[in-house]
Amino acid sequence: MDNKNVAGDELNSNDLCHHREYGSYQEDKKKILDGLRRVEGQIRGVHRMVDEERYCVDVLNQIAAARMALARLAMMILEDHTKGCVSTAIVEKENAENTIEELMDVIKRLL
């Protein structure tokens, strides 16, 4: 995204997100933080497995599990963002076009 609104004014992410003081994932914050702690533990486990020269397939399976856990967390945040920030921007016609463009950009990065 080029960080300009339709009128050509400079934008930052706070201009696009309806929740300027907190993320739209506020309701799921505890679940997200718990999930991130689990992923941190998984990554430490992968590090330990490599350090111990464990079987390659076992290491790869653990990496895949950590990636899937991160993908689930990303989807939770994306859903909250879409239902909160994006829908509000569309309803209030508040940088709606730029907000949708930002949403599409983040979806492309996640895929």
PDB file of N, CA and C in Angstrom:
ATOM      1  N   MET A   1       0.839  -1.164   0.000  1.00  0.00           N
ATOM      2  CA  MET A   1       0.000   0.000   0.000  1.00  0.00           C
ATOM      3  C   MET A   1       0.886   1.229   0.000  1.00  0.00           C
ATOM      4  N   ASP A   2       0.439   2.320  -0.611  1.00  0.00           N
ATOM      5  CA  ASP A   2       1.289   3.486  -0.765  1.00  0.00           C
ATOM      6  C   ASP A   2       1.167   4.487   0.375  1.00  0.00           C
ATOM      7  N   ASN A   3       0.448   4.181   1.463  1.00  0.00           N
ATOM      8  CA  ASN A   3       0.327   5.034   2.645  1.00  0.00           C
ATOM      9  C   ASN A   3      -0.280   6.392   2.344  1.00  0.00           C
ATOM     10  N   LYS A   4      -1.162   6.467   1.344  1.00  0.00           N
ATOM     11  CA  LYS A   4      -1.898   7.692   1.051  1.00  0.00           C
ATOM     12  C   LYS A   4      -3.363   7.325   0.914  1.00  0.00           C
ATOM     13  N   ASN A   5      -4.230   8.230   1.373  1.00  0.00           N
ATOM     14  CA  ASN A   5      -5.652   7.967   1.201  1.00  0.00           C
ATOM     15  C   ASN A   5      -6.069   8.368  -0.202  1.00  0.00           C
ATOM     16  N   VAL A   6      -7.356   8.223  -0.504  1.00  0.00           N
ATOM     17  CA  VAL A   6      -7.856   8.495  -1.838  1.00  0.00           C
ATOM     18  C   VAL A   6      -7.574   9.945  -2.232  1.00  0.00           C
ATOM     19  N   ALA A   7      -7.588  10.860  -1.253  1.00  0.00           N
ATOM     20  CA  ALA A   7      -7.316  12.271  -1.518  1.00  0.00           C
ATOM     21  C   ALA A   7      -5.825  12.553  -1.675  1.00  0.00           C
ATOM     22  N   GLY A   8      -4.973  11.553  -1.414  1.00  0.00           N
ATOM     23  CA  GLY A   8      -3.539  11.725  -1.541  1.00  0.00           C
ATOM     24  C   GLY A   8      -2.843  12.123  -0.254  1.00  0.00           C
ATOM     25  N   ASP A   9      -3.585  12.174   0.873  1.00  0.00           N
ATOM     26  CA  ASP A   9      -3.000  12.534   2.156  1.00  0.00           C
ATOM     27  C   ASP A   9      -2.232  11.345   2.728  1.00  0.00           C
ATOM     28  N   GLU A  10      -1.121  11.639   3.430  1.00  0.00           N
ATOM     29  CA  GLU A  10      -0.336  10.592   4.080  1.00  0.00           C
ATOM     30  C   GLU A  10      -1.159   9.904   5.165  1.00  0.00           C
ATOM     31  N   LEU A  11      -1.034   8.584   5.259  1.00  0.00           N
ATOM     32  CA  LEU A  11      -1.736   7.803   6.277  1.00  0.00           C
ATOM     33  C   LEU A  11      -0.737   6.959   7.045  1.00  0.00           C
ATOM     34  N   ASN A  12      -1.068   6.648   8.275  1.00  0.00           N
ATOM     35  CA  ASN A  12      -0.341   5.614   9.001  1.00  0.00           C
ATOM     36  C   ASN A  12      -1.365   4.601   9.458  1.00  0.00           C
ATOM     37  N   SER A  13      -0.915   3.497  10.035  1.00  0.00           N
ATOM     38  CA  SER A  13      -1.845   2.425  10.389  1.00  0.00           C
ATOM     39  C   SER A  13      -2.905   2.886  11.387  1.00  0.00           C
ATOM     40  N   ASN A  14      -2.604   3.875  12.228  1.00  0.00           N
ATOM     41  CA  ASN A  14      -3.612   4.381  13.162  1.00  0.00           C
ATOM     42  C   ASN A  14      -4.734   5.108  12.448  1.00  0.00           C
ATOM     43  N   ASP A  15      -4.456   5.659  11.263  1.00  0.00           N
ATOM     44  CA  ASP A  15      -5.504   6.315  10.492  1.00  0.00           C
ATOM     45  C   ASP A  15      -6.465   5.295   9.908  1.00  0.00           C
ATOM     46  N   LEU A  16      -5.995   4.080   9.682  1.00  0.00           N
ATOM     47  CA  LEU A  16      -6.813   3.064   9.040  1.00  0.00           C
ATOM     48  C   LEU A  16      -7.599   2.230  10.035  1.00  0.00           C
ATOM     49  N   CYS A  17      -7.076   2.053  11.206  1.00  0.00           N
ATOM     50  CA  CYS A  17      -7.706   1.180  12.186  1.00  0.00           C
ATOM     51  C   CYS A  17      -8.649   1.962  13.080  1.00  0.00           C
ATOM     52  N   HIS A  18      -9.862   1.471  13.194  1.00  0.00           N
ATOM     53  CA  HIS A  18     -10.872   2.115  14.027  1.00  0.00           C
ATOM     54  C   HIS A  18     -10.461   2.123  15.495  1.00  0.00           C
ATOM     55  N   HIS A  19      -9.734   1.143  15.917  1.00  0.00           N
ATOM     56  CA  HIS A  19      -9.322   1.015  17.312  1.00  0.00           C
ATOM     57  C   HIS A  19      -7.951   1.652  17.479  1.00  0.00           C
ATOM     58  N   ARG A  20      -7.921   2.925  17.664  1.00  0.00           N
ATOM     59  CA  ARG A  20      -6.657   3.660  17.701  1.00  0.00           C
ATOM     60  C   ARG A  20      -5.874   3.427  18.985  1.00  0.00           C
ATOM     61  N   GLU A  21      -6.548   3.134  20.083  1.00  0.00           N
ATOM     62  CA  GLU A  21      -5.850   2.972  21.358  1.00  0.00           C
ATOM     63  C   GLU A  21      -5.571   1.517  21.704  1.00  0.00           C
ATOM     64  N   TYR A  22      -6.254   0.593  21.051  1.00  0.00           N
ATOM     65  CA  TYR A  22      -6.064  -0.830  21.321  1.00  0.00           C
ATOM     66  C   TYR A  22      -6.474  -1.609  20.085  1.00  0.00           C
ATOM     67  N   GLY A  23      -6.033  -2.838  19.984  1.00  0.00           N
ATOM     68  CA  GLY A  23      -6.369  -3.657  18.823  1.00  0.00           C
ATOM     69  C   GLY A  23      -7.795  -4.171  18.895  1.00  0.00           C
ATOM     70  N   SER A  24      -8.349  -4.474  17.754  1.00  0.00           N
ATOM     71  CA  SER A  24      -9.706  -5.013  17.723  1.00  0.00           C
ATOM     72  C   SER A  24      -9.737  -6.445  18.252  1.00  0.00           C
ATOM     73  N   TYR A  25      -8.574  -7.002  18.559  1.00  0.00           N
ATOM     74  CA  TYR A  25      -8.480  -8.352  19.101  1.00  0.00           C
ATOM     75  C   TYR A  25      -8.560  -8.347  20.623  1.00  0.00           C
ATOM     76  N   GLN A  26      -8.965  -7.232  21.211  1.00  0.00           N
ATOM     77  CA  GLN A  26      -8.978  -7.090  22.666  1.00  0.00           C
ATOM     78  C   GLN A  26      -9.715  -8.246  23.359  1.00  0.00           C
ATOM     79  N   GLU A  27     -10.861  -8.673  22.818  1.00  0.00           N
ATOM     80  CA  GLU A  27     -11.621  -9.781  23.429  1.00  0.00           C
ATOM     81  C   GLU A  27     -10.831 -11.084  23.439  1.00  0.00           C
ATOM     82  N   ASP A  28     -10.015 -11.297  22.418  1.00  0.00           N
ATOM     83  CA  ASP A  28      -9.261 -12.535  22.280  1.00  0.00           C
ATOM     84  C   ASP A  28      -7.828 -12.407  22.777  1.00  0.00           C
ATOM     85  N   LYS A  29      -7.491 -11.283  23.397  1.00  0.00           N
ATOM     86  CA  LYS A  29      -6.107 -11.011  23.780  1.00  0.00           C
ATOM     87  C   LYS A  29      -5.521 -12.119  24.643  1.00  0.00           C
ATOM     88  N   LYS A  30      -6.252 -12.609  25.633  1.00  0.00           N
ATOM     89  CA  LYS A  30      -5.735 -13.666  26.511  1.00  0.00           C
ATOM     90  C   LYS A  30      -5.462 -14.939  25.713  1.00  0.00           C
ATOM     91  N   LYS A  31      -6.397 -15.322  24.843  1.00  0.00           N
ATOM     92  CA  LYS A  31      -6.196 -16.525  24.018  1.00  0.00           C
ATOM     93  C   LYS A  31      -4.986 -16.362  23.108  1.00  0.00           C
ATOM     94  N   ILE A  32      -4.827 -15.168  22.546  1.00  0.00           N
ATOM     95  CA  ILE A  32      -3.700 -14.913  21.647  1.00  0.00           C
ATOM     96  C   ILE A  32      -2.388 -14.987  22.420  1.00  0.00           C
ATOM     97  N   LEU A  33      -2.328 -14.335  23.574  1.00  0.00           N
ATOM     98  CA  LEU A  33      -1.102 -14.369  24.373  1.00  0.00           C
ATOM     99  C   LEU A  33      -0.782 -15.781  24.849  1.00  0.00           C
ATOM    100  N   ASP A  34      -1.803 -16.533  25.260  1.00  0.00           N
ATOM    101  CA  ASP A  34      -1.578 -17.934  25.651  1.00  0.00           C
ATOM    102  C   ASP A  34      -1.033 -18.747  24.480  1.00  0.00           C
ATOM    103  N   GLY A  35      -1.612 -18.534  23.296  1.00  0.00           N
ATOM    104  CA  GLY A  35      -1.157 -19.238  22.106  1.00  0.00           C
ATOM    105  C   GLY A  35       0.278 -18.877  21.748  1.00  0.00           C
ATOM    106  N   LEU A  36       0.613 -17.607  21.891  1.00  0.00           N
ATOM    107  CA  LEU A  36       1.989 -17.179  21.610  1.00  0.00           C
ATOM    108  C   LEU A  36       2.974 -17.806  22.587  1.00  0.00           C
ATOM    109  N   ARG A  37       2.570 -17.936  23.841  1.00  0.00           N
ATOM    110  CA  ARG A  37       3.448 -18.605  24.820  1.00  0.00           C
ATOM    111  C   ARG A  37       3.665 -20.067  24.431  1.00  0.00           C
ATOM    112  N   ARG A  38       2.603 -20.724  23.955  1.00  0.00           N
ATOM    113  CA  ARG A  38       2.750 -22.122  23.515  1.00  0.00           C
ATOM    114  C   ARG A  38       3.699 -22.216  22.323  1.00  0.00           C
ATOM    115  N   VAL A  39       3.571 -21.277  21.377  1.00  0.00           N
ATOM    116  CA  VAL A  39       4.458 -21.278  20.210  1.00  0.00           C
ATOM    117  C   VAL A  39       5.897 -21.031  20.647  1.00  0.00           C
ATOM    118  N   GLU A  40       6.097 -20.117  21.588  1.00  0.00           N
ATOM    119  CA  GLU A  40       7.448 -19.892  22.113  1.00  0.00           C
ATOM    120  C   GLU A  40       8.031 -21.182  22.671  1.00  0.00           C
ATOM    121  N   GLY A  41       7.207 -21.925  23.402  1.00  0.00           N
ATOM    122  CA  GLY A  41       7.655 -23.210  23.940  1.00  0.00           C
ATOM    123  C   GLY A  41       7.987 -24.197  22.834  1.00  0.00           C
ATOM    124  N   GLN A  42       7.154 -24.211  21.790  1.00  0.00           N
ATOM    125  CA  GLN A  42       7.426 -25.107  20.659  1.00  0.00           C
ATOM    126  C   GLN A  42       8.754 -24.749  19.993  1.00  0.00           C
ATOM    127  N   ILE A  43       9.001 -23.470  19.813  1.00  0.00           N
ATOM    128  CA  ILE A  43      10.236 -23.037  19.163  1.00  0.00           C
ATOM    129  C   ILE A  43      11.447 -23.390  20.020  1.00  0.00           C
ATOM    130  N   ARG A  44      11.322 -23.199  21.332  1.00  0.00           N
ATOM    131  CA  ARG A  44      12.423 -23.616  22.219  1.00  0.00           C
ATOM    132  C   ARG A  44      12.659 -25.116  22.097  1.00  0.00           C
ATOM    133  N   GLY A  45      11.563 -25.877  21.972  1.00  0.00           N
ATOM    134  CA  GLY A  45      11.688 -27.324  21.793  1.00  0.00           C
ATOM    135  C   GLY A  45      12.387 -27.682  20.498  1.00  0.00           C
ATOM    136  N   VAL A  46      12.080 -26.976  19.427  1.00  0.00           N
ATOM    137  CA  VAL A  46      12.739 -27.215  18.143  1.00  0.00           C
ATOM    138  C   VAL A  46      14.227 -26.895  18.277  1.00  0.00           C
ATOM    139  N   HIS A  47      14.538 -25.796  18.926  1.00  0.00           N
ATOM    140  CA  HIS A  47      15.940 -25.416  19.140  1.00  0.00           C
ATOM    141  C   HIS A  47      16.680 -26.527  19.882  1.00  0.00           C
ATOM    142  N   ARG A  48      16.055 -27.040  20.924  1.00  0.00           N
ATOM    143  CA  ARG A  48      16.652 -28.122  21.723  1.00  0.00           C
ATOM    144  C   ARG A  48      16.843 -29.375  20.866  1.00  0.00           C
ATOM    145  N   MET A  49      15.824 -29.685  20.021  1.00  0.00           N
ATOM    146  CA  MET A  49      15.915 -30.868  19.170  1.00  0.00           C
ATOM    147  C   MET A  49      17.087 -30.766  18.200  1.00  0.00           C
ATOM    148  N   VAL A  50      17.276 -29.573  17.630  1.00  0.00           N
ATOM    149  CA  VAL A  50      18.394 -29.380  16.700  1.00  0.00           C
ATOM    150  C   VAL A  50      19.715 -29.480  17.458  1.00  0.00           C
ATOM    151  N   ASP A  51      19.757 -28.863  18.627  1.00  0.00           N
ATOM    152  CA  ASP A  51      20.969 -28.919  19.448  1.00  0.00           C
ATOM    153  C   ASP A  51      21.332 -30.365  19.784  1.00  0.00           C
ATOM    154  N   GLU A  52      20.312 -31.184  20.011  1.00  0.00           N
ATOM    155  CA  GLU A  52      20.526 -32.600  20.351  1.00  0.00           C
ATOM    156  C   GLU A  52      20.652 -33.480  19.112  1.00  0.00           C
ATOM    157  N   GLU A  53      20.612 -32.863  17.921  1.00  0.00           N
ATOM    158  CA  GLU A  53      20.728 -33.570  16.645  1.00  0.00           C
ATOM    159  C   GLU A  53      19.679 -34.664  16.498  1.00  0.00           C
ATOM    160  N   ARG A  54      18.451 -34.323  16.814  1.00  0.00           N
ATOM    161  CA  ARG A  54      17.337 -35.267  16.687  1.00  0.00           C
ATOM    162  C   ARG A  54      17.021 -35.526  15.217  1.00  0.00           C
ATOM    163  N   TYR A  55      16.250 -36.556  14.988  1.00  0.00           N
ATOM    164  CA  TYR A  55      15.879 -37.000  13.642  1.00  0.00           C
ATOM    165  C   TYR A  55      15.191 -35.867  12.876  1.00  0.00           C
ATOM    166  N   CYS A  56      15.622 -35.654  11.639  1.00  0.00           N
ATOM    167  CA  CYS A  56      15.160 -34.539  10.796  1.00  0.00           C
ATOM    168  C   CYS A  56      13.637 -34.459  10.702  1.00  0.00           C
ATOM    169  N   VAL A  57      12.994 -35.576  10.455  1.00  0.00           N
ATOM    170  CA  VAL A  57      11.545 -35.587  10.278  1.00  0.00           C
ATOM    171  C   VAL A  57      10.838 -35.135  11.556  1.00  0.00           C
ATOM    172  N   ASP A  58      11.359 -35.529  12.712  1.00  0.00           N
ATOM    173  CA  ASP A  58      10.774 -35.092  13.979  1.00  0.00           C
ATOM    174  C   ASP A  58      10.894 -33.571  14.129  1.00  0.00           C
ATOM    175  N   VAL A  59      12.042 -33.022  13.756  1.00  0.00           N
ATOM    176  CA  VAL A  59      12.241 -31.571  13.822  1.00  0.00           C
ATOM    177  C   VAL A  59      11.280 -30.872  12.865  1.00  0.00           C
ATOM    178  N   LEU A  60      11.184 -31.388  11.646  1.00  0.00           N
ATOM    179  CA  LEU A  60      10.289 -30.789  10.657  1.00  0.00           C
ATOM    180  C   LEU A  60       8.831 -30.846  11.105  1.00  0.00           C
ATOM    181  N   ASN A  61       8.433 -31.933  11.727  1.00  0.00           N
ATOM    182  CA  ASN A  61       7.058 -32.030  12.245  1.00  0.00           C
ATOM    183  C   ASN A  61       6.792 -30.981  13.310  1.00  0.00           C
ATOM    184  N   GLN A  62       7.768 -30.723  14.156  1.00  0.00           N
ATOM    185  CA  GLN A  62       7.595 -29.705  15.192  1.00  0.00           C
ATOM    186  C   GLN A  62       7.553 -28.298  14.593  1.00  0.00           C
ATOM    187  N   ILE A  63       8.348 -28.064  13.567  1.00  0.00           N
ATOM    188  CA  ILE A  63       8.305 -26.772  12.873  1.00  0.00           C
ATOM    189  C   ILE A  63       6.934 -26.575  12.225  1.00  0.00           C
ATOM    190  N   ALA A  64       6.415 -27.631  11.605  1.00  0.00           N
ATOM    191  CA  ALA A  64       5.095 -27.550  10.977  1.00  0.00           C
ATOM    192  C   ALA A  64       4.019 -27.250  12.018  1.00  0.00           C
ATOM    193  N   ALA A  65       4.119 -27.872  13.184  1.00  0.00           N
ATOM    194  CA  ALA A  65       3.143 -27.633  14.248  1.00  0.00           C
ATOM    195  C   ALA A  65       3.196 -26.182  14.728  1.00  0.00           C
ATOM    196  N   ALA A  66       4.396 -25.636  14.854  1.00  0.00           N
ATOM    197  CA  ALA A  66       4.542 -24.240  15.286  1.00  0.00           C
ATOM    198  C   ALA A  66       3.982 -23.288  14.229  1.00  0.00           C
ATOM    199  N   ARG A  67       4.243 -23.582  12.966  1.00  0.00           N
ATOM    200  CA  ARG A  67       3.701 -22.742  11.883  1.00  0.00           C
ATOM    201  C   ARG A  67       2.183 -22.766  11.884  1.00  0.00           C
ATOM    202  N   MET A  68       1.596 -23.924  12.092  1.00  0.00           N
ATOM    203  CA  MET A  68       0.133 -24.024  12.111  1.00  0.00           C
ATOM    204  C   MET A  68      -0.452 -23.266  13.301  1.00  0.00           C
ATOM    205  N   ALA A  69       0.221 -23.345  14.427  1.00  0.00           N
ATOM    206  CA  ALA A  69      -0.249 -22.611  15.609  1.00  0.00           C
ATOM    207  C   ALA A  69      -0.207 -21.109  15.339  1.00  0.00           C
ATOM    208  N   LEU A  70       0.851 -20.625  14.725  1.00  0.00           N
ATOM    209  CA  LEU A  70       0.943 -19.208  14.370  1.00  0.00           C
ATOM    210  C   LEU A  70      -0.132 -18.823  13.353  1.00  0.00           C
ATOM    211  N   ALA A  71      -0.396 -19.705  12.394  1.00  0.00           N
ATOM    212  CA  ALA A  71      -1.426 -19.431  11.390  1.00  0.00           C
ATOM    213  C   ALA A  71      -2.799 -19.303  12.048  1.00  0.00           C
ATOM    214  N   ARG A  72      -3.086 -20.148  13.030  1.00  0.00           N
ATOM    215  CA  ARG A  72      -4.371 -20.060  13.740  1.00  0.00           C
ATOM    216  C   ARG A  72      -4.478 -18.736  14.496  1.00  0.00           C
ATOM    217  N   LEU A  73      -3.398 -18.321  15.130  1.00  0.00           N
ATOM    218  CA  LEU A  73      -3.402 -17.044  15.850  1.00  0.00           C
ATOM    219  C   LEU A  73      -3.569 -15.878  14.875  1.00  0.00           C
ATOM    220  N   ALA A  74      -2.877 -15.941  13.749  1.00  0.00           N
ATOM    221  CA  ALA A  74      -3.007 -14.887  12.743  1.00  0.00           C
ATOM    222  C   ALA A  74      -4.442 -14.798  12.234  1.00  0.00           C
ATOM    223  N   MET A  75      -5.075 -15.944  12.022  1.00  0.00           N
ATOM    224  CA  MET A  75      -6.448 -15.950  11.536  1.00  0.00           C
ATOM    225  C   MET A  75      -7.395 -15.351  12.573  1.00  0.00           C
ATOM    226  N   MET A  76      -7.148 -15.624  13.846  1.00  0.00           N
ATOM    227  CA  MET A  76      -7.976 -15.061  14.914  1.00  0.00           C
ATOM    228  C   MET A  76      -7.866 -13.532  14.908  1.00  0.00           C
ATOM    229  N   ILE A  77      -6.636 -13.026  14.803  1.00  0.00           N
ATOM    230  CA  ILE A  77      -6.426 -11.576  14.788  1.00  0.00           C
ATOM    231  C   ILE A  77      -7.023 -10.974  13.513  1.00  0.00           C
ATOM    232  N   LEU A  78      -6.839 -11.640  12.383  1.00  0.00           N
ATOM    233  CA  LEU A  78      -7.384 -11.158  11.117  1.00  0.00           C
ATOM    234  C   LEU A  78      -8.913 -11.085  11.172  1.00  0.00           C
ATOM    235  N   GLU A  79      -9.529 -12.104  11.734  1.00  0.00           N
ATOM    236  CA  GLU A  79     -10.994 -12.109  11.848  1.00  0.00           C
ATOM    237  C   GLU A  79     -11.470 -10.971  12.743  1.00  0.00           C
ATOM    238  N   ASP A  80     -10.812 -10.791  13.886  1.00  0.00           N
ATOM    239  CA  ASP A  80     -11.181  -9.699  14.781  1.00  0.00           C
ATOM    240  C   ASP A  80     -11.000  -8.347  14.094  1.00  0.00           C
ATOM    241  N   HIS A  81      -9.904  -8.183  13.370  1.00  0.00           N
ATOM    242  CA  HIS A  81      -9.624  -6.933  12.660  1.00  0.00           C
ATOM    243  C   HIS A  81     -10.698  -6.667  11.605  1.00  0.00           C
ATOM    244  N   THR A  82     -11.054  -7.703  10.860  1.00  0.00           N
ATOM    245  CA  THR A  82     -12.049  -7.541   9.808  1.00  0.00           C
ATOM    246  C   THR A  82     -13.413  -7.195  10.390  1.00  0.00           C
ATOM    247  N   LYS A  83     -13.816  -7.903  11.433  1.00  0.00           N
ATOM    248  CA  LYS A  83     -15.117  -7.643  12.055  1.00  0.00           C
ATOM    249  C   LYS A  83     -15.151  -6.324  12.820  1.00  0.00           C
ATOM    250  N   GLY A  84     -13.995  -5.869  13.290  1.00  0.00           N
ATOM    251  CA  GLY A  84     -13.940  -4.639  14.068  1.00  0.00           C
ATOM    252  C   GLY A  84     -13.539  -3.459  13.214  1.00  0.00           C
ATOM    253  N   CYS A  85     -12.260  -3.321  12.977  1.00  0.00           N
ATOM    254  CA  CYS A  85     -11.704  -2.142  12.304  1.00  0.00           C
ATOM    255  C   CYS A  85     -12.223  -1.978  10.871  1.00  0.00           C
ATOM    256  N   VAL A  86     -12.167  -3.045  10.099  1.00  0.00           N
ATOM    257  CA  VAL A  86     -12.530  -2.940   8.686  1.00  0.00           C
ATOM    258  C   VAL A  86     -14.025  -2.658   8.528  1.00  0.00           C
ATOM    259  N   SER A  87     -14.861  -3.408   9.225  1.00  0.00           N
ATOM    260  CA  SER A  87     -16.300  -3.188   9.069  1.00  0.00           C
ATOM    261  C   SER A  87     -16.703  -1.798   9.546  1.00  0.00           C
ATOM    262  N   THR A  88     -16.078  -1.315  10.612  1.00  0.00           N
ATOM    263  CA  THR A  88     -16.382   0.025  11.105  1.00  0.00           C
ATOM    264  C   THR A  88     -15.966   1.078  10.082  1.00  0.00           C
ATOM    265  N   ALA A  89     -14.795   0.911   9.490  1.00  0.00           N
ATOM    266  CA  ALA A  89     -14.328   1.867   8.480  1.00  0.00           C
ATOM    267  C   ALA A  89     -15.281   1.910   7.288  1.00  0.00           C
ATOM    268  N   ILE A  90     -15.804   0.751   6.904  1.00  0.00           N
ATOM    269  CA  ILE A  90     -16.729   0.696   5.770  1.00  0.00           C
ATOM    270  C   ILE A  90     -18.047   1.361   6.133  1.00  0.00           C
ATOM    271  N   VAL A  91     -18.599   1.022   7.274  1.00  0.00           N
ATOM    272  CA  VAL A  91     -19.885   1.589   7.702  1.00  0.00           C
ATOM    273  C   VAL A  91     -19.782   3.106   7.867  1.00  0.00           C
ATOM    274  N   GLU A  92     -18.695   3.566   8.472  1.00  0.00           N
ATOM    275  CA  GLU A  92     -18.521   4.996   8.724  1.00  0.00           C
ATOM    276  C   GLU A  92     -17.880   5.714   7.538  1.00  0.00           C
ATOM    277  N   LYS A  93     -17.605   4.965   6.454  1.00  0.00           N
ATOM    278  CA  LYS A  93     -16.948   5.518   5.262  1.00  0.00           C
ATOM    279  C   LYS A  93     -15.680   6.280   5.638  1.00  0.00           C
ATOM    280  N   GLU A  94     -14.958   5.721   6.592  1.00  0.00           N
ATOM    281  CA  GLU A  94     -13.748   6.311   7.152  1.00  0.00           C
ATOM    282  C   GLU A  94     -12.534   5.615   6.527  1.00  0.00           C
ATOM    283  N   ASN A  95     -11.975   6.161   5.455  1.00  0.00           N
ATOM    284  CA  ASN A  95     -10.840   5.543   4.761  1.00  0.00           C
ATOM    285  C   ASN A  95     -11.152   4.112   4.322  1.00  0.00           C
ATOM    286  N   ALA A  96     -12.405   3.855   3.953  1.00  0.00           N
ATOM    287  CA  ALA A  96     -12.837   2.492   3.634  1.00  0.00           C
ATOM    288  C   ALA A  96     -12.001   1.866   2.523  1.00  0.00           C
ATOM    289  N   GLU A  97     -11.777   2.609   1.464  1.00  0.00           N
ATOM    290  CA  GLU A  97     -11.023   2.064   0.325  1.00  0.00           C
ATOM    291  C   GLU A  97      -9.604   1.674   0.746  1.00  0.00           C
ATOM    292  N   ASN A  98      -8.946   2.542   1.497  1.00  0.00           N
ATOM    293  CA  ASN A  98      -7.586   2.247   1.958  1.00  0.00           C
ATOM    294  C   ASN A  98      -7.570   1.116   2.967  1.00  0.00           C
ATOM    295  N   THR A  99      -8.588   1.039   3.805  1.00  0.00           N
ATOM    296  CA  THR A  99      -8.670  -0.026   4.798  1.00  0.00           C
ATOM    297  C   THR A  99      -8.813  -1.379   4.116  1.00  0.00           C
ATOM    298  N   ILE A 100      -9.627  -1.442   3.078  1.00  0.00           N
ATOM    299  CA  ILE A 100      -9.803  -2.693   2.336  1.00  0.00           C
ATOM    300  C   ILE A 100      -8.505  -3.061   1.628  1.00  0.00           C
ATOM    301  N   GLU A 101      -7.822  -2.071   1.067  1.00  0.00           N
ATOM    302  CA  GLU A 101      -6.541  -2.339   0.404  1.00  0.00           C
ATOM    303  C   GLU A 101      -5.517  -2.881   1.409  1.00  0.00           C
ATOM    304  N   GLU A 102      -5.487  -2.285   2.601  1.00  0.00           N
ATOM    305  CA  GLU A 102      -4.581  -2.757   3.648  1.00  0.00           C
ATOM    306  C   GLU A 102      -4.926  -4.201   4.042  1.00  0.00           C
ATOM    307  N   LEU A 103      -6.224  -4.498   4.169  1.00  0.00           N
ATOM    308  CA  LEU A 103      -6.680  -5.847   4.505  1.00  0.00           C
ATOM    309  C   LEU A 103      -6.224  -6.848   3.447  1.00  0.00           C
ATOM    310  N   MET A 104      -6.395  -6.504   2.188  1.00  0.00           N
ATOM    311  CA  MET A 104      -5.985  -7.412   1.119  1.00  0.00           C
ATOM    312  C   MET A 104      -4.470  -7.624   1.131  1.00  0.00           C
ATOM    313  N   ASP A 105      -3.721  -6.573   1.406  1.00  0.00           N
ATOM    314  CA  ASP A 105      -2.261  -6.710   1.479  1.00  0.00           C
ATOM    315  C   ASP A 105      -1.850  -7.676   2.587  1.00  0.00           C
ATOM    316  N   VAL A 106      -2.474  -7.554   3.741  1.00  0.00           N
ATOM    317  CA  VAL A 106      -2.096  -8.430   4.858  1.00  0.00           C
ATOM    318  C   VAL A 106      -2.523  -9.876   4.577  1.00  0.00           C
ATOM    319  N   ILE A 107      -3.663 -10.063   3.942  1.00  0.00           N
ATOM    320  CA  ILE A 107      -4.098 -11.416   3.574  1.00  0.00           C
ATOM    321  C   ILE A 107      -3.091 -12.046   2.610  1.00  0.00           C
ATOM    322  N   LYS A 108      -2.629 -11.275   1.646  1.00  0.00           N
ATOM    323  CA  LYS A 108      -1.636 -11.793   0.691  1.00  0.00           C
ATOM    324  C   LYS A 108      -0.355 -12.199   1.394  1.00  0.00           C
ATOM    325  N   ARG A 109       0.063 -11.429   2.388  1.00  0.00           N
ATOM    326  CA  ARG A 109       1.282 -11.786   3.129  1.00  0.00           C
ATOM    327  C   ARG A 109       1.085 -13.042   3.957  1.00  0.00           C
ATOM    328  N   LEU A 110      -0.128 -13.269   4.427  1.00  0.00           N
ATOM    329  CA  LEU A 110      -0.394 -14.443   5.265  1.00  0.00           C
ATOM    330  C   LEU A 110      -0.496 -15.729   4.440  1.00  0.00           C
ATOM    331  N   LEU A 111      -0.837 -15.600   3.176  1.00  0.00           N
ATOM    332  CA  LEU A 111      -1.017 -16.797   2.331  1.00  0.00           C
ATOM    333  C   LEU A 111       0.287 -17.363   1.849  1.00  0.00           C
TER     334      LEU A 111
END
